[in-house]
Amino acid sequence: MAKPIRIAAAAPRKPRTAAARKPTYDQIQARAYEVFLRRGGTPGDELQDWLQAERELLASPRKTAAKAPKAVKAAKAPKPSRPVKEQAA
């Protein structure tokens, strides 16, 4: 007589919690820098910028995370141009 085949039940899926989608330190830092630049780059509100960035990333992590690299990239200094070689006469 053949033995019955046992199939293991799939592990129950855990509900997605805030801890599962918590933004990383680097993501919060990049977003806080964007907030800083958007309000004119004036010093003095670092904590408020950080908390706002954290709230925004927790509210919609996909939307703001997609925007972060563009704003940081735009804030970088432009590359220096190559020196022009003078031609011998």
N, C-alpha and C. Protein backbone atom coordinates (compact mmCIF):
# COMPACT_ATOMS: atom_id res chain seq x y z
N MET A 1 0.84 -1.17 0.00
CA MET A 1 0.00 0.00 0.00
C MET A 1 0.89 1.25 0.00
N ALA A 2 0.57 2.25 -0.82
CA ALA A 2 1.36 3.47 -0.95
C ALA A 2 1.10 4.39 0.24
N LYS A 3 2.17 5.04 0.64
CA LYS A 3 2.05 5.98 1.75
C LYS A 3 1.45 7.28 1.24
N PRO A 4 0.61 7.92 2.02
CA PRO A 4 0.06 9.21 1.60
C PRO A 4 1.16 10.29 1.65
N ILE A 5 1.11 11.18 0.71
CA ILE A 5 2.08 12.27 0.62
C ILE A 5 1.63 13.40 1.54
N ARG A 6 2.55 13.84 2.36
CA ARG A 6 2.24 14.97 3.23
C ARG A 6 2.77 16.25 2.61
N ILE A 7 1.97 17.24 2.52
CA ILE A 7 2.37 18.54 1.99
C ILE A 7 2.37 19.52 3.15
N ALA A 8 3.51 20.14 3.34
CA ALA A 8 3.62 21.11 4.43
C ALA A 8 2.79 22.35 4.09
N ALA A 9 2.11 22.81 5.08
CA ALA A 9 1.31 24.02 4.89
C ALA A 9 2.24 25.21 4.73
N ALA A 10 1.84 26.13 3.88
CA ALA A 10 2.64 27.34 3.68
C ALA A 10 2.65 28.16 4.96
N ALA A 11 3.78 28.76 5.24
CA ALA A 11 3.90 29.59 6.44
C ALA A 11 2.95 30.77 6.30
N PRO A 12 2.25 31.10 7.36
CA PRO A 12 1.34 32.25 7.28
C PRO A 12 2.13 33.53 7.06
N ARG A 13 1.59 34.38 6.24
CA ARG A 13 2.25 35.65 5.95
C ARG A 13 2.04 36.61 7.10
N LYS A 14 3.11 37.29 7.43
CA LYS A 14 3.03 38.28 8.49
C LYS A 14 2.48 39.58 7.91
N PRO A 15 1.61 40.25 8.63
CA PRO A 15 1.12 41.53 8.14
C PRO A 15 2.26 42.54 8.08
N ARG A 16 2.20 43.39 7.12
CA ARG A 16 3.24 44.40 6.96
C ARG A 16 3.08 45.46 8.05
N THR A 17 4.15 45.67 8.79
CA THR A 17 4.10 46.63 9.88
C THR A 17 4.98 47.82 9.55
N ALA A 18 4.92 48.81 10.40
CA ALA A 18 5.75 50.00 10.20
C ALA A 18 7.23 49.64 10.28
N ALA A 19 7.57 48.66 11.12
CA ALA A 19 8.97 48.27 11.26
C ALA A 19 9.49 47.62 9.98
N ALA A 20 8.62 46.95 9.24
CA ALA A 20 9.03 46.28 8.01
C ALA A 20 9.36 47.29 6.91
N ARG A 21 8.77 48.45 6.95
CA ARG A 21 9.03 49.45 5.92
C ARG A 21 9.71 50.71 6.46
N LYS A 22 10.36 50.57 7.60
CA LYS A 22 11.04 51.70 8.22
C LYS A 22 12.18 52.16 7.32
N PRO A 23 12.24 53.46 7.01
CA PRO A 23 13.32 53.96 6.15
C PRO A 23 14.67 53.87 6.85
N THR A 24 15.71 53.74 6.06
CA THR A 24 17.06 53.65 6.61
C THR A 24 17.55 55.04 7.01
N TYR A 25 18.63 55.05 7.76
CA TYR A 25 19.25 56.31 8.18
C TYR A 25 19.64 57.14 6.96
N ASP A 26 20.23 56.50 5.96
CA ASP A 26 20.67 57.21 4.76
C ASP A 26 19.49 57.80 3.98
N GLN A 27 18.37 57.08 3.93
CA GLN A 27 17.19 57.60 3.24
C GLN A 27 16.65 58.83 3.96
N ILE A 28 16.59 58.77 5.28
CA ILE A 28 16.10 59.91 6.05
C ILE A 28 17.04 61.09 5.89
N GLN A 29 18.34 60.82 5.93
CA GLN A 29 19.33 61.89 5.80
C GLN A 29 19.22 62.59 4.44
N ALA A 30 19.06 61.81 3.37
CA ALA A 30 18.93 62.39 2.03
C ALA A 30 17.66 63.22 1.92
N ARG A 31 16.55 62.72 2.47
CA ARG A 31 15.29 63.45 2.40
C ARG A 31 15.36 64.72 3.26
N ALA A 32 16.00 64.64 4.43
CA ALA A 32 16.13 65.82 5.29
C ALA A 32 16.96 66.90 4.59
N TYR A 33 17.95 66.48 3.83
CA TYR A 33 18.76 67.44 3.07
C TYR A 33 17.91 68.11 1.99
N GLU A 34 17.03 67.36 1.36
CA GLU A 34 16.12 67.95 0.37
C GLU A 34 15.21 68.98 1.02
N VAL A 35 14.69 68.65 2.19
CA VAL A 35 13.83 69.58 2.92
C VAL A 35 14.61 70.84 3.26
N PHE A 36 15.84 70.68 3.71
CA PHE A 36 16.73 71.80 4.02
C PHE A 36 16.93 72.70 2.80
N LEU A 37 17.19 72.10 1.63
CA LEU A 37 17.40 72.89 0.42
C LEU A 37 16.11 73.58 -0.02
N ARG A 38 14.99 72.89 0.12
CA ARG A 38 13.70 73.44 -0.32
C ARG A 38 13.33 74.68 0.49
N ARG A 39 13.70 74.72 1.76
CA ARG A 39 13.37 75.90 2.58
C ARG A 39 14.45 76.97 2.54
N GLY A 40 15.36 76.86 1.59
CA GLY A 40 16.33 77.92 1.37
C GLY A 40 17.72 77.66 1.92
N GLY A 41 17.94 76.56 2.58
CA GLY A 41 19.26 76.23 3.09
C GLY A 41 19.70 77.03 4.29
N THR A 42 18.74 77.60 5.00
CA THR A 42 19.10 78.35 6.20
C THR A 42 19.29 77.41 7.38
N PRO A 43 20.34 77.59 8.17
CA PRO A 43 20.59 76.70 9.30
C PRO A 43 19.63 76.96 10.46
N GLY A 44 19.57 75.99 11.38
CA GLY A 44 18.79 76.20 12.60
C GLY A 44 17.61 75.27 12.79
N ASP A 45 17.17 74.58 11.77
CA ASP A 45 16.00 73.71 11.89
C ASP A 45 16.32 72.26 11.53
N GLU A 46 17.50 71.79 11.92
CA GLU A 46 17.93 70.45 11.53
C GLU A 46 16.99 69.37 12.07
N LEU A 47 16.58 69.50 13.33
CA LEU A 47 15.71 68.50 13.93
C LEU A 47 14.36 68.48 13.22
N GLN A 48 13.80 69.65 12.94
CA GLN A 48 12.52 69.70 12.26
C GLN A 48 12.61 69.11 10.86
N ASP A 49 13.71 69.38 10.16
CA ASP A 49 13.91 68.80 8.83
C ASP A 49 13.97 67.28 8.91
N TRP A 50 14.69 66.77 9.91
CA TRP A 50 14.84 65.32 10.09
C TRP A 50 13.49 64.67 10.39
N LEU A 51 12.73 65.27 11.30
CA LEU A 51 11.43 64.70 11.66
C LEU A 51 10.45 64.75 10.50
N GLN A 52 10.48 65.82 9.73
CA GLN A 52 9.61 65.93 8.56
C GLN A 52 9.98 64.86 7.53
N ALA A 53 11.27 64.68 7.31
CA ALA A 53 11.73 63.67 6.35
C ALA A 53 11.29 62.28 6.80
N GLU A 54 11.42 62.01 8.08
CA GLU A 54 11.02 60.70 8.61
C GLU A 54 9.53 60.48 8.44
N ARG A 55 8.72 61.50 8.73
CA ARG A 55 7.27 61.39 8.56
C ARG A 55 6.91 61.12 7.10
N GLU A 56 7.54 61.86 6.19
CA GLU A 56 7.24 61.70 4.76
C GLU A 56 7.60 60.30 4.27
N LEU A 57 8.76 59.80 4.70
CA LEU A 57 9.18 58.48 4.25
C LEU A 57 8.32 57.37 4.84
N LEU A 58 7.85 57.54 6.06
CA LEU A 58 6.96 56.55 6.65
C LEU A 58 5.58 56.58 6.00
N ALA A 59 5.13 57.77 5.58
CA ALA A 59 3.81 57.91 4.97
C ALA A 59 3.74 57.26 3.60
N SER A 60 4.73 57.51 2.76
CA SER A 60 4.73 56.91 1.42
C SER A 60 6.17 56.62 1.01
N PRO A 61 6.70 55.48 1.43
CA PRO A 61 8.12 55.19 1.21
C PRO A 61 8.51 55.07 -0.26
N ARG A 62 7.65 54.55 -1.10
CA ARG A 62 8.00 54.38 -2.51
C ARG A 62 8.06 55.70 -3.25
N LYS A 63 7.10 56.57 -2.98
CA LYS A 63 7.01 57.83 -3.71
C LYS A 63 8.20 58.74 -3.41
N THR A 64 8.53 58.94 -2.13
CA THR A 64 9.62 59.85 -1.78
C THR A 64 10.98 59.23 -2.03
N ALA A 65 11.09 57.91 -1.90
CA ALA A 65 12.38 57.26 -2.14
C ALA A 65 12.78 57.38 -3.60
N ALA A 66 11.79 57.40 -4.50
CA ALA A 66 12.10 57.52 -5.92
C ALA A 66 12.59 58.93 -6.25
N LYS A 67 12.14 59.92 -5.50
CA LYS A 67 12.54 61.30 -5.75
C LYS A 67 13.91 61.64 -5.16
N ALA A 68 14.30 60.96 -4.12
CA ALA A 68 15.52 61.32 -3.38
C ALA A 68 16.78 61.37 -4.24
N PRO A 69 17.08 60.37 -5.05
CA PRO A 69 18.33 60.45 -5.81
C PRO A 69 18.39 61.62 -6.78
N LYS A 70 17.27 62.02 -7.37
CA LYS A 70 17.27 63.13 -8.32
C LYS A 70 17.66 64.44 -7.65
N ALA A 71 17.08 64.72 -6.49
CA ALA A 71 17.35 65.98 -5.82
C ALA A 71 18.79 66.04 -5.32
N VAL A 72 19.30 64.96 -4.80
CA VAL A 72 20.67 64.94 -4.32
C VAL A 72 21.63 65.08 -5.48
N LYS A 73 21.30 64.45 -6.59
CA LYS A 73 22.14 64.54 -7.78
C LYS A 73 22.20 65.97 -8.29
N ALA A 74 21.08 66.66 -8.27
CA ALA A 74 21.03 68.04 -8.76
C ALA A 74 21.82 68.98 -7.85
N ALA A 75 21.97 68.63 -6.59
CA ALA A 75 22.65 69.50 -5.64
C ALA A 75 24.17 69.40 -5.74
N LYS A 76 24.68 68.39 -6.43
CA LYS A 76 26.13 68.23 -6.55
C LYS A 76 26.72 69.32 -7.44
N ALA A 77 27.96 69.65 -7.18
CA ALA A 77 28.65 70.67 -7.97
C ALA A 77 28.94 70.13 -9.36
N PRO A 78 28.89 70.97 -10.38
CA PRO A 78 29.18 70.51 -11.74
C PRO A 78 30.65 70.15 -11.89
N LYS A 79 30.92 69.25 -12.83
CA LYS A 79 32.30 68.84 -13.08
C LYS A 79 33.05 70.00 -13.75
N PRO A 80 34.31 70.17 -13.42
CA PRO A 80 35.08 71.24 -14.08
C PRO A 80 35.30 70.86 -15.55
N SER A 81 35.32 71.88 -16.38
CA SER A 81 35.50 71.61 -17.80
C SER A 81 36.98 71.30 -18.08
N ARG A 82 37.21 70.61 -19.16
CA ARG A 82 38.58 70.26 -19.53
C ARG A 82 39.31 71.49 -20.05
N PRO A 83 40.59 71.60 -19.73
CA PRO A 83 41.34 72.74 -20.26
C PRO A 83 41.50 72.59 -21.77
N VAL A 84 41.42 73.68 -22.46
CA VAL A 84 41.54 73.68 -23.91
C VAL A 84 43.02 73.70 -24.27
N LYS A 85 43.41 72.76 -25.12
CA LYS A 85 44.82 72.71 -25.56
C LYS A 85 45.02 73.75 -26.64
N GLU A 86 46.11 74.47 -26.50
CA GLU A 86 46.40 75.46 -27.50
C GLU A 86 47.15 74.80 -28.66
N GLN A 87 46.79 75.21 -29.85
CA GLN A 87 47.43 74.62 -31.03
C GLN A 87 48.70 75.43 -31.37
N ALA A 88 49.73 74.71 -31.77
CA ALA A 88 51.00 75.37 -32.15
C ALA A 88 50.82 76.04 -33.51
N ALA A 89 51.36 77.24 -33.64
CA ALA A 89 51.21 77.99 -34.89
C ALA A 89 52.25 77.62 -35.91
